[in-house]
Amino acid sequence: MEDASERLLRALEAWESAVELATPDEARDAFDEASLQVFWQRWPHVSSWGGAVWRRLNEDLADAAKPLADSEHHEVGGEGG
């Protein structure tokens, strides 16, 4: 899985670099036809996968941000020594 993580990070860095080069309208007008066709064909799958990963992470992070009510580890404050 480490290889997949490294590849994902490299792909995101490359994606960000491409995004900085052109707005969506500029990309549509300037990119060659083959690149646009590959993007059009592959984007639904990539977008769906990325959205699913993002939703799962968002759920995990939202749960982690909730305080544990009535937990023995939950400090209220005001107690000192």
N, C-alpha and C. Protein backbone atom coordinates (compact mmCIF):
# COMPACT_ATOMS: atom_id res chain seq x y z
N MET A 1 0.82 -1.19 0.00
CA MET A 1 0.00 0.00 0.00
C MET A 1 0.86 1.26 0.00
N GLU A 2 2.09 1.14 0.49
CA GLU A 2 2.98 2.31 0.51
C GLU A 2 3.23 2.82 -0.90
N ASP A 3 3.40 1.90 -1.83
CA ASP A 3 3.61 2.29 -3.22
C ASP A 3 2.40 3.07 -3.74
N ALA A 4 1.21 2.62 -3.39
CA ALA A 4 -0.01 3.31 -3.82
C ALA A 4 -0.07 4.71 -3.19
N SER A 5 0.33 4.83 -1.95
CA SER A 5 0.34 6.14 -1.29
C SER A 5 1.31 7.09 -1.97
N GLU A 6 2.49 6.59 -2.27
CA GLU A 6 3.50 7.42 -2.94
C GLU A 6 3.03 7.84 -4.32
N ARG A 7 2.42 6.92 -5.04
CA ARG A 7 1.93 7.22 -6.39
C ARG A 7 0.80 8.25 -6.32
N LEU A 8 -0.07 8.13 -5.33
CA LEU A 8 -1.15 9.10 -5.17
C LEU A 8 -0.59 10.49 -4.89
N LEU A 9 0.38 10.58 -4.00
CA LEU A 9 0.98 11.88 -3.69
C LEU A 9 1.65 12.50 -4.91
N ARG A 10 2.37 11.69 -5.67
CA ARG A 10 3.00 12.19 -6.91
C ARG A 10 1.95 12.65 -7.91
N ALA A 11 0.87 11.88 -8.03
CA ALA A 11 -0.20 12.25 -8.97
C ALA A 11 -0.87 13.55 -8.55
N LEU A 12 -1.10 13.72 -7.26
CA LEU A 12 -1.72 14.96 -6.78
C LEU A 12 -0.80 16.16 -7.01
N GLU A 13 0.49 15.96 -6.81
CA GLU A 13 1.44 17.05 -7.08
C GLU A 13 1.42 17.41 -8.56
N ALA A 14 1.40 16.41 -9.42
CA ALA A 14 1.36 16.66 -10.87
C ALA A 14 0.05 17.34 -11.25
N TRP A 15 -1.04 16.90 -10.66
CA TRP A 15 -2.36 17.50 -10.94
C TRP A 15 -2.36 18.97 -10.54
N GLU A 16 -1.85 19.27 -9.35
CA GLU A 16 -1.79 20.66 -8.89
C GLU A 16 -0.93 21.51 -9.81
N SER A 17 0.15 20.96 -10.31
CA SER A 17 1.00 21.69 -11.24
C SER A 17 0.25 22.00 -12.53
N ALA A 18 -0.51 21.03 -13.03
CA ALA A 18 -1.29 21.25 -14.25
C ALA A 18 -2.38 22.29 -14.01
N VAL A 19 -3.02 22.24 -12.87
CA VAL A 19 -4.10 23.18 -12.54
C VAL A 19 -3.58 24.62 -12.52
N GLU A 20 -2.34 24.78 -12.04
CA GLU A 20 -1.76 26.13 -11.97
C GLU A 20 -1.42 26.70 -13.35
N LEU A 21 -1.32 25.84 -14.36
CA LEU A 21 -0.94 26.29 -15.69
C LEU A 21 -2.09 26.88 -16.50
N ALA A 22 -3.32 26.47 -16.20
CA ALA A 22 -4.45 26.93 -17.02
C ALA A 22 -5.75 26.85 -16.26
N THR A 23 -6.64 27.79 -16.54
CA THR A 23 -8.00 27.71 -16.02
C THR A 23 -8.72 26.59 -16.77
N PRO A 24 -9.87 26.13 -16.29
CA PRO A 24 -10.61 25.12 -17.04
C PRO A 24 -10.92 25.55 -18.48
N ASP A 25 -11.31 26.80 -18.68
CA ASP A 25 -11.61 27.26 -20.04
C ASP A 25 -10.35 27.27 -20.91
N GLU A 26 -9.23 27.71 -20.33
CA GLU A 26 -7.97 27.71 -21.09
C GLU A 26 -7.55 26.29 -21.44
N ALA A 27 -7.75 25.38 -20.50
CA ALA A 27 -7.39 23.98 -20.75
C ALA A 27 -8.22 23.40 -21.88
N ARG A 28 -9.52 23.63 -21.84
CA ARG A 28 -10.39 23.12 -22.89
C ARG A 28 -9.98 23.64 -24.26
N ASP A 29 -9.59 24.90 -24.31
CA ASP A 29 -9.23 25.51 -25.59
C ASP A 29 -7.80 25.18 -26.03
N ALA A 30 -6.89 24.92 -25.09
CA ALA A 30 -5.48 24.79 -25.43
C ALA A 30 -4.97 23.34 -25.47
N PHE A 31 -5.56 22.46 -24.70
CA PHE A 31 -5.05 21.09 -24.65
C PHE A 31 -5.36 20.38 -25.96
N ASP A 32 -4.48 19.45 -26.33
CA ASP A 32 -4.70 18.71 -27.57
C ASP A 32 -5.90 17.78 -27.42
N GLU A 33 -6.45 17.40 -28.55
CA GLU A 33 -7.68 16.60 -28.59
C GLU A 33 -7.52 15.26 -27.87
N ALA A 34 -6.36 14.62 -28.03
CA ALA A 34 -6.14 13.32 -27.38
C ALA A 34 -6.18 13.45 -25.86
N SER A 35 -5.54 14.49 -25.32
CA SER A 35 -5.54 14.70 -23.86
C SER A 35 -6.95 14.95 -23.35
N LEU A 36 -7.70 15.76 -24.08
CA LEU A 36 -9.07 16.04 -23.67
C LEU A 36 -9.94 14.79 -23.71
N GLN A 37 -9.75 13.94 -24.71
CA GLN A 37 -10.53 12.71 -24.81
C GLN A 37 -10.20 11.74 -23.67
N VAL A 38 -8.92 11.62 -23.36
CA VAL A 38 -8.51 10.74 -22.25
C VAL A 38 -9.09 11.27 -20.94
N PHE A 39 -9.00 12.57 -20.73
CA PHE A 39 -9.58 13.16 -19.52
C PHE A 39 -11.08 12.86 -19.46
N TRP A 40 -11.79 13.10 -20.56
CA TRP A 40 -13.24 12.90 -20.62
C TRP A 40 -13.61 11.45 -20.33
N GLN A 41 -12.81 10.50 -20.83
CA GLN A 41 -13.09 9.08 -20.63
C GLN A 41 -12.78 8.62 -19.21
N ARG A 42 -11.70 9.11 -18.65
CA ARG A 42 -11.24 8.58 -17.35
C ARG A 42 -11.75 9.35 -16.14
N TRP A 43 -12.13 10.60 -16.32
CA TRP A 43 -12.49 11.43 -15.18
C TRP A 43 -13.64 10.87 -14.36
N PRO A 44 -14.73 10.33 -14.94
CA PRO A 44 -15.81 9.84 -14.09
C PRO A 44 -15.36 8.80 -13.08
N HIS A 45 -14.51 7.88 -13.50
CA HIS A 45 -14.02 6.85 -12.58
C HIS A 45 -13.11 7.46 -11.51
N VAL A 46 -12.18 8.29 -11.94
CA VAL A 46 -11.24 8.91 -11.00
C VAL A 46 -11.99 9.80 -10.01
N SER A 47 -12.93 10.58 -10.52
CA SER A 47 -13.70 11.49 -9.67
C SER A 47 -14.55 10.72 -8.67
N SER A 48 -15.17 9.64 -9.11
CA SER A 48 -16.00 8.82 -8.22
C SER A 48 -15.16 8.21 -7.11
N TRP A 49 -14.00 7.66 -7.47
CA TRP A 49 -13.11 7.05 -6.48
C TRP A 49 -12.62 8.10 -5.49
N GLY A 50 -12.16 9.25 -6.01
CA GLY A 50 -11.67 10.31 -5.14
C GLY A 50 -12.76 10.83 -4.21
N GLY A 51 -13.97 10.98 -4.73
CA GLY A 51 -15.08 11.43 -3.90
C GLY A 51 -15.40 10.45 -2.79
N ALA A 52 -15.35 9.15 -3.10
CA ALA A 52 -15.62 8.13 -2.09
C ALA A 52 -14.56 8.15 -0.99
N VAL A 53 -13.29 8.27 -1.38
CA VAL A 53 -12.21 8.35 -0.38
C VAL A 53 -12.40 9.61 0.47
N TRP A 54 -12.69 10.73 -0.18
CA TRP A 54 -12.87 11.99 0.55
C TRP A 54 -14.01 11.88 1.56
N ARG A 55 -15.15 11.29 1.15
CA ARG A 55 -16.29 11.16 2.06
C ARG A 55 -15.94 10.30 3.27
N ARG A 56 -15.21 9.22 3.04
CA ARG A 56 -14.82 8.36 4.17
C ARG A 56 -13.89 9.10 5.13
N LEU A 57 -12.92 9.81 4.57
CA LEU A 57 -12.02 10.59 5.43
C LEU A 57 -12.77 11.68 6.18
N ASN A 58 -13.70 12.32 5.49
CA ASN A 58 -14.49 13.37 6.11
C ASN A 58 -15.30 12.81 7.28
N GLU A 59 -15.90 11.64 7.10
CA GLU A 59 -16.65 11.01 8.18
C GLU A 59 -15.73 10.67 9.36
N ASP A 60 -14.57 10.09 9.06
CA ASP A 60 -13.62 9.74 10.12
C ASP A 60 -13.17 10.98 10.88
N LEU A 61 -12.84 12.03 10.15
CA LEU A 61 -12.35 13.25 10.80
C LEU A 61 -13.46 13.96 11.56
N ALA A 62 -14.68 13.90 11.07
CA ALA A 62 -15.80 14.52 11.78
C ALA A 62 -16.05 13.80 13.09
N ASP A 63 -15.95 12.46 13.08
CA ASP A 63 -16.13 11.70 14.31
C ASP A 63 -15.02 11.98 15.29
N ALA A 64 -13.81 12.12 14.80
CA ALA A 64 -12.67 12.37 15.69
C ALA A 64 -12.75 13.74 16.34
N ALA A 65 -13.46 14.67 15.74
CA ALA A 65 -13.54 16.02 16.28
C ALA A 65 -14.60 16.17 17.36
N LYS A 66 -15.47 15.17 17.52
CA LYS A 66 -16.54 15.25 18.52
C LYS A 66 -15.97 14.95 19.91
N PRO A 67 -16.34 15.76 20.90
CA PRO A 67 -15.88 15.46 22.27
C PRO A 67 -16.57 14.20 22.80
N LEU A 68 -15.86 13.48 23.62
CA LEU A 68 -16.43 12.29 24.23
C LEU A 68 -17.21 12.72 25.47
N ALA A 69 -18.50 12.80 25.36
CA ALA A 69 -19.34 13.20 26.49
C ALA A 69 -19.29 12.11 27.55
N ASP A 70 -19.23 12.51 28.79
CA ASP A 70 -19.23 11.60 29.93
C ASP A 70 -18.10 10.59 29.89
N SER A 71 -17.02 10.94 29.27
CA SER A 71 -15.88 10.04 29.21
C SER A 71 -15.00 10.27 30.44
N GLU A 72 -14.41 9.22 30.92
CA GLU A 72 -13.50 9.37 32.05
C GLU A 72 -12.24 10.13 31.65
N HIS A 73 -12.01 10.23 30.33
CA HIS A 73 -10.83 10.94 29.84
C HIS A 73 -11.15 12.38 29.46
N HIS A 74 -12.40 12.78 29.56
CA HIS A 74 -12.82 14.12 29.19
C HIS A 74 -12.55 15.07 30.36
N GLU A 75 -11.65 16.02 30.16
CA GLU A 75 -11.32 16.96 31.22
C GLU A 75 -12.18 18.20 31.09
N VAL A 76 -12.77 18.60 32.20
CA VAL A 76 -13.65 19.75 32.22
C VAL A 76 -12.86 21.01 32.51
N GLY A 77 -11.81 20.88 33.27
CA GLY A 77 -11.01 22.04 33.65
C GLY A 77 -11.41 22.50 35.03
N GLY A 78 -10.68 23.46 35.53
CA GLY A 78 -10.99 24.00 36.86
C GLY A 78 -10.41 23.17 37.99
N GLU A 79 -9.94 22.01 37.68
CA GLU A 79 -9.33 21.19 38.71
C GLU A 79 -7.82 21.39 38.66
N GLY A 80 -7.23 21.60 39.74
CA GLY A 80 -5.79 21.80 39.74
C GLY A 80 -5.17 21.28 40.99
N GLY A 81 -3.90 21.29 40.97
CA GLY A 81 -3.25 20.71 42.11
C GLY A 81 -2.22 21.59 42.68
